[in-house]
Amino acid sequence: MKKKDSDDPQFHYEIWQGPSETYGDEAKSISYVENHNGQCSYAELALDFEIAAEALIASYRQSEMGNWVAPVSHIVRQTLELRLKAFLQAVAERDGSIDRKPLASHNLWAIWSACKTWMVEQEFQILEDARLPMIERLLSAYHAIDPSGDLFRFGISRQTAFGKQKSYDRVGIDLPIFCEEFAAASRLLQHWEAVVFRLTLAEEMQWDTDPYFDADDFPLSLQKSDTTAI
């Protein structure tokens, strides 16, 4: 069923036709513009959030104020969720039988598990990626600390620990380790999402070899990771 357009277009602007009568002449602080571009994707928004995360982390490093912990943790988590969903979306577009339910959740570990399991079953080399231990450590930490994705958004989580609701002021970050794992996780997810997407594109373009992307361009681990699916 087609989704219904907003019943209140006073903050909507059609770039070719201009504002509607209800939009008015007053400048708006924020508006929704129909610009006739293609729909954006999880991956595009992930890049925007990653840029913001890096800027925020730079401010955190400079100030060393604990007030940055929740915003940094939240925006990094959001970046990871978007990258994971871009990955699963690429997998789902290639294999219609995969469970798409994790796309509607905030469960980082469930999304990652679905992606990793499928990649292993399809014999992609993801287990040989040297960054694999770092992404799994970071996702494990987020899943243990903030599994429902509400701790850093609202300060008080629905989850409990030590007999009471979790609160953001009890979370700590070891910044050097955190930044290293975030960078590794982001690059790993970007690469393997691209591997799946570019494979489909190569088939559509009837390329024997992708002229613009090297699927084998990733850091190899010294020994293959445990092949047991999560």
Protein backbone atom coordinates (compact mmCIF):
# COMPACT_ATOMS: atom_id res chain seq x y z
CA MET A 1 0.00 0.00 0.00
CA LYS A 2 1.32 3.42 -0.95
CA LYS A 3 2.29 5.58 2.00
CA LYS A 4 0.21 8.71 2.38
CA ASP A 5 1.82 12.11 1.92
CA SER A 6 1.90 14.48 4.86
CA ASP A 7 -1.40 16.17 5.62
CA ASP A 8 0.45 19.31 6.71
CA PRO A 9 2.59 20.68 3.84
CA GLN A 10 3.42 23.98 5.53
CA PHE A 11 7.04 22.88 5.93
CA HIS A 12 7.26 21.16 2.52
CA TYR A 13 8.75 22.85 -0.52
CA GLU A 14 8.65 21.60 -4.14
CA ILE A 15 11.79 22.89 -5.82
CA TRP A 16 10.31 23.19 -9.32
CA GLN A 17 6.88 24.48 -8.36
CA GLY A 18 7.92 26.50 -5.34
CA PRO A 19 6.10 26.73 -2.01
CA SER A 20 2.43 25.90 -1.58
CA GLU A 21 -0.01 28.45 -0.22
CA THR A 22 0.25 26.91 3.23
CA TYR A 23 4.06 27.20 3.20
CA GLY A 24 3.77 30.98 3.39
CA ASP A 25 6.37 33.68 2.86
CA GLU A 26 8.12 33.33 6.20
CA ALA A 27 11.56 31.66 6.12
CA LYS A 28 11.63 28.26 7.82
CA SER A 29 14.43 27.07 10.09
CA ILE A 30 13.96 23.55 8.72
CA SER A 31 11.89 22.28 5.81
CA TYR A 32 11.44 19.22 3.62
CA VAL A 33 12.36 19.89 0.00
CA GLU A 34 11.37 17.77 -2.99
CA ASN A 35 14.46 18.22 -5.16
CA HIS A 36 13.85 15.29 -7.54
CA ASN A 37 17.12 13.58 -6.63
CA GLY A 38 17.24 9.83 -6.14
CA GLN A 39 16.53 8.39 -2.71
CA CYS A 40 19.53 8.41 -0.37
CA SER A 41 20.75 5.18 1.19
CA TYR A 42 21.90 3.85 4.55
CA ALA A 43 25.48 4.08 3.28
CA GLU A 44 25.23 7.77 2.34
CA LEU A 45 23.78 8.71 5.71
CA ALA A 46 26.40 6.57 7.47
CA LEU A 47 29.12 8.68 5.86
CA ASP A 48 27.44 11.88 7.09
CA PHE A 49 27.26 10.52 10.64
CA GLU A 50 30.86 9.30 10.49
CA ILE A 51 32.08 12.76 9.51
CA ALA A 52 30.12 14.20 12.44
CA ALA A 53 31.48 11.51 14.78
CA GLU A 54 35.07 12.30 13.83
CA ALA A 55 34.51 16.02 14.42
CA LEU A 56 32.89 15.32 17.78
CA ILE A 57 35.70 12.99 18.83
CA ALA A 58 38.23 15.68 17.92
CA SER A 59 36.41 18.10 20.26
CA TYR A 60 36.30 15.41 22.96
CA ARG A 61 40.06 14.89 22.68
CA GLN A 62 40.72 18.61 22.95
CA SER A 63 38.44 19.35 25.89
CA GLU A 64 38.77 16.01 27.77
CA MET A 65 35.34 16.76 29.27
CA GLY A 66 33.26 13.79 30.34
CA ASN A 67 30.17 15.52 28.94
CA TRP A 68 31.15 14.24 25.49
CA VAL A 69 30.81 10.53 26.37
CA ALA A 70 27.09 10.10 25.64
CA PRO A 71 27.04 12.16 22.39
CA VAL A 72 30.17 10.41 21.09
CA SER A 73 28.86 6.96 22.05
CA HIS A 74 25.49 7.67 20.46
CA ILE A 75 26.76 9.05 17.17
CA VAL A 76 29.29 6.24 16.76
CA ARG A 77 26.57 3.68 17.50
CA GLN A 78 24.32 5.36 14.94
CA THR A 79 27.11 5.28 12.34
CA LEU A 80 27.68 1.57 12.95
CA GLU A 81 23.96 0.81 12.76
CA LEU A 82 23.68 2.59 9.41
CA ARG A 83 26.75 0.83 8.01
CA LEU A 84 25.42 -2.54 9.17
CA LYS A 85 22.03 -1.84 7.61
CA ALA A 86 23.68 -0.80 4.34
CA PHE A 87 25.53 -4.13 4.41
CA LEU A 88 22.40 -6.17 5.12
CA GLN A 89 20.45 -4.22 2.49
CA ALA A 90 23.07 -5.12 -0.13
CA VAL A 91 22.88 -8.77 0.93
CA ALA A 92 19.06 -8.75 0.85
CA GLU A 93 19.01 -7.26 -2.63
CA ARG A 94 21.24 -10.08 -3.82
CA ASP A 95 19.49 -12.87 -1.90
CA GLY A 96 15.77 -12.38 -1.44
CA SER A 97 15.51 -15.32 0.95
CA ILE A 98 17.51 -13.65 3.74
CA ASP A 99 15.60 -12.45 6.80
CA ARG A 100 15.13 -8.67 6.49
CA LYS A 101 13.66 -8.24 9.99
CA PRO A 102 16.94 -6.99 11.52
CA LEU A 103 16.71 -3.95 9.22
CA ALA A 104 13.78 -2.75 11.33
CA SER A 105 15.66 -3.20 14.63
CA HIS A 106 18.42 -1.43 16.54
CA ASN A 107 20.12 -4.73 17.42
CA LEU A 108 23.66 -4.30 16.11
CA TRP A 109 24.68 -7.85 16.90
CA ALA A 110 21.66 -9.36 15.11
CA ILE A 111 22.33 -7.34 11.96
CA TRP A 112 26.02 -8.21 12.03
CA SER A 113 25.30 -11.90 12.65
CA ALA A 114 22.95 -12.06 9.65
CA CYS A 115 25.54 -10.41 7.39
CA LYS A 116 28.52 -12.43 8.61
CA THR A 117 26.71 -15.75 8.49
CA TRP A 118 25.54 -15.13 4.92
CA MET A 119 29.01 -14.06 3.81
CA VAL A 120 30.57 -17.20 5.30
CA GLU A 121 27.94 -19.42 3.68
CA GLN A 122 28.60 -17.77 0.32
CA GLU A 123 32.35 -18.32 0.80
CA PHE A 124 33.39 -14.68 0.83
CA GLN A 125 36.73 -14.04 2.56
CA ILE A 126 35.36 -11.93 5.41
CA LEU A 127 36.85 -14.27 8.03
CA GLU A 128 40.30 -13.45 6.69
CA ASP A 129 39.85 -9.72 7.30
CA ALA A 130 42.35 -8.59 9.96
CA ARG A 131 39.82 -6.08 11.27
CA LEU A 132 37.32 -8.78 12.23
CA PRO A 133 38.35 -9.07 15.92
CA MET A 134 38.08 -5.29 16.38
CA ILE A 135 34.59 -4.96 14.94
CA GLU A 136 33.38 -7.90 17.00
CA ARG A 137 34.83 -6.46 20.20
CA LEU A 138 33.15 -3.11 19.57
CA LEU A 139 29.79 -4.58 18.57
CA SER A 140 29.92 -6.97 21.54
CA ALA A 141 30.50 -4.02 23.87
CA TYR A 142 27.64 -2.00 22.42
CA HIS A 143 25.34 -5.01 22.51
CA ALA A 144 26.17 -5.65 26.16
CA ILE A 145 25.95 -2.02 27.28
CA ASP A 146 23.20 -0.61 25.05
CA PRO A 147 21.40 -3.47 23.26
CA SER A 148 18.20 -1.52 22.63
CA GLY A 149 19.86 1.70 21.46
CA ASP A 150 18.19 3.93 24.04
CA LEU A 151 20.92 4.51 26.64
CA PHE A 152 22.77 7.33 24.87
CA ARG A 153 19.66 8.80 23.25
CA PHE A 154 17.67 9.25 26.45
CA GLY A 155 20.20 8.95 29.26
CA ILE A 156 18.17 6.30 31.08
CA SER A 157 17.76 2.91 29.40
CA ARG A 158 15.01 0.35 29.63
CA GLN A 159 17.81 -2.14 30.33
CA THR A 160 19.07 -2.82 33.84
CA ALA A 161 22.44 -3.62 35.42
CA PHE A 162 23.44 -4.10 39.06
CA GLY A 163 19.76 -4.08 40.03
CA LYS A 164 18.79 -0.70 38.54
CA GLN A 165 18.18 0.98 35.21
CA LYS A 166 21.28 1.81 33.22
CA SER A 167 22.23 5.48 32.93
CA TYR A 168 24.68 7.15 30.54
CA ASP A 169 26.85 8.66 33.29
CA ARG A 170 28.10 5.18 34.22
CA VAL A 171 29.63 4.54 30.79
CA GLY A 172 33.34 5.10 30.20
CA ILE A 173 35.38 5.23 27.00
CA ASP A 174 39.04 4.30 26.51
CA LEU A 175 39.37 6.72 23.62
CA PRO A 176 42.46 5.32 21.81
CA ILE A 177 41.01 1.78 21.76
CA PHE A 178 37.51 3.05 20.97
CA CYS A 179 38.73 5.12 17.99
CA GLU A 180 40.84 2.26 16.63
CA GLU A 181 37.93 -0.18 16.81
CA PHE A 182 35.48 2.34 15.33
CA ALA A 183 37.76 3.07 12.36
CA ALA A 184 38.37 -0.65 11.75
CA ALA A 185 34.68 -1.50 12.04
CA SER A 186 33.62 1.27 9.70
CA ARG A 187 36.20 0.37 7.04
CA LEU A 188 35.37 -3.35 7.25
CA LEU A 189 31.65 -2.73 6.83
CA GLN A 190 32.22 -0.32 3.97
CA HIS A 191 34.43 -2.81 2.15
CA TRP A 192 32.24 -5.89 2.42
CA GLU A 193 29.03 -4.02 1.66
CA ALA A 194 30.78 -2.76 -1.47
CA VAL A 195 31.96 -6.28 -2.34
CA VAL A 196 28.35 -7.52 -2.42
CA PHE A 197 27.03 -4.46 -4.23
CA ARG A 198 29.81 -4.39 -6.83
CA LEU A 199 29.40 -8.10 -7.54
CA THR A 200 25.77 -7.52 -8.46
CA LEU A 201 26.73 -4.45 -10.48
CA ALA A 202 29.43 -6.37 -12.37
CA GLU A 203 26.89 -9.01 -13.34
CA GLU A 204 24.45 -6.38 -14.55
CA MET A 205 27.19 -4.62 -16.55
CA GLN A 206 28.50 -7.98 -17.83
CA TRP A 207 32.02 -7.26 -16.59
CA ASP A 208 34.44 -10.15 -16.24
CA THR A 209 36.42 -7.98 -13.81
CA ASP A 210 35.22 -4.86 -12.02
CA PRO A 211 37.38 -2.05 -13.46
CA TYR A 212 36.84 0.27 -10.50
CA PHE A 213 36.87 -1.93 -7.39
CA ASP A 214 39.17 -4.61 -5.98
CA ALA A 215 37.34 -7.01 -3.67
CA ASP A 216 40.66 -8.38 -2.41
CA ASP A 217 41.92 -4.99 -1.23
CA PHE A 218 41.56 -5.53 2.51
CA PRO A 219 44.04 -6.24 5.34
CA LEU A 220 44.58 -9.97 5.76
CA SER A 221 44.83 -11.59 9.17
CA LEU A 222 47.94 -13.62 9.96
CA GLN A 223 45.75 -16.67 10.30
CA LYS A 224 42.16 -17.33 9.34
CA SER A 225 39.59 -16.49 12.00
CA ASP A 226 37.39 -19.12 13.58
CA THR A 227 34.88 -20.12 10.88
CA THR A 228 32.12 -20.90 13.36
CA ALA A 229 29.11 -18.77 12.50
CA ILE A 230 27.80 -16.53 15.26
